[in-house]
Amino acid sequence: MRQILDAHIHSRYSRACSKDLTLPNIAAAARKKGINIVATGDFTHPQWFLHIKKELVETAPGSGLYRLRGDENSDVVFILSTEVALIYKDGGRCRRIHLVLHAPSIAAVEELNKRWGQRYNLKSDGRPILGLSAPKLVAECLAIDPRWLIYPAHIWTPWFAVFGSKSGFNSLADCFQEQTKNIYAYETGLSSDPEMNWRLSALDGLSCLSNSDAHSLGNIGREATVLELGKLTYDEIYSAIKDKAAGKIKYTIEFYPEEGMYHFDGHRQCNFSCAPEESKKLKGLCPVCKKPLVLGVAYRVAELADRPLGFVPAQAPGYRKLVGLDKIIAEAFNVKSRASQKVKREYDRLIKALGSELDILLNVEIAAIKDISAPLVALGVERVRQGKLLINPGFDGEYGTINIFRPEEKGLSPQKLFN
């Protein structure tokens, strides 16, 4: 049973997140995107947890997965999840680590919330800040139920990640210590893809997961993990992630990491950016102002890597890099905003005619898209599948750009475009 999982999103109670993030809205957005299993997000927040208990029921006794109440035939189910921020001292440094947590049951969440609610302010944010070390958190969760699933979120982001250059560690063992044996996965995050992570042999034994970390409905499914499951239960998902060798993780769906704000090194004020290899030649100094460059994620990966770029571990699941359908439509129609009504109308028309967004991006025949939409939309999907894109990596807080069409292509006839 092929299932697409987005196991890390947020609720309306997380800082800088959309107020439209309610469970019914999340289910509807996941269905449109093509996500089968979606995270609840933020189960530590008291109000959101009440919303979870009110709106969701278990799909079957003991399944550990949930559906909307009154929607017995739902094709979207929820997995209990949250992200937490740990800030603590270790090795003489202040560490800031984000972790993703999945609970096997409502009862397990209730017990954890009860314990943490006595020590921390869980009402302040959907992603709570805890003065707790990573190994202690793992031990606390597993003492409640050994089936808790815990893994580091977006592992390369500079300030809030296990390998982050500003506050992270140089290895998982340094971070999780005696609990490292209970960490079975890592999340690529928007700032990295599997190819970047394959450069670290220390990650070979862990499952590589991709999730959207969505702060709004439209971003659900921008990254995801494709699984082959025998049964639709929490335990089946837990087993698939814990036992990487079983091969139940088929591939991940990836955002282009170059689009992130800190992919390359550089200085925004000097309008200068470069790859890590060039930074090393420059001895980390900006050639314009002679001050130290802001070093990006690609540099940090290269710093810890023990393999060259392009290395592929044996039997590693593959990955597919995608660009959102709304972005393709916006470029095809020469519209600046992906949120414009023109783009929304065409997006909804394609979804209604051809199926979910991910199915359109991954599987629907190009000829079928061309039959009902503008030629540039069909060509855009084809180019995304082929990876034929114009990429300018982000740096020093400046987002990168991913473009599908060259300016001069906008006026070409359909016959020339497809030749």
Foldseek 3Di string as FASTA:
>chain_A
DKFWEFAAAAACQAPPFDPQRAPVLLLVLCQQAVHQEYELELCLAVVSVVSCVVQWDDLDVQQQKIDGPPCNPRSHIYWYKYKAWEWEDDPNATATFIKMKTDSDSVLSVVVSVVVVVPFDSNNRSHGYDPDAQQVVLVVSVVSPVLMAMETELADDQHYHQLHVPHHDLAVCSRNPPCSLRHAAYENPQQGDVLLVVLAPNCVRHAYFYHQRYSYSNSGPQKIWMFDFPDNGSVRVSVCGNHVVVVRTAEMEHEHNLQDQFNFKADVVVPDTDHLVVCVVVVQAHPPPRHGIDHGRRNSSVVSGPHDRPDDDPPHHYYAYADFLLQQQCVLVVHDDSPDPVSVVVSVVCCVVPNHRVCVLPPDDLVVCVVPDPLSSSQQSVCSRVVVWDWDGHRDRGGIDIGRDDPVVNPDDSVVSVD
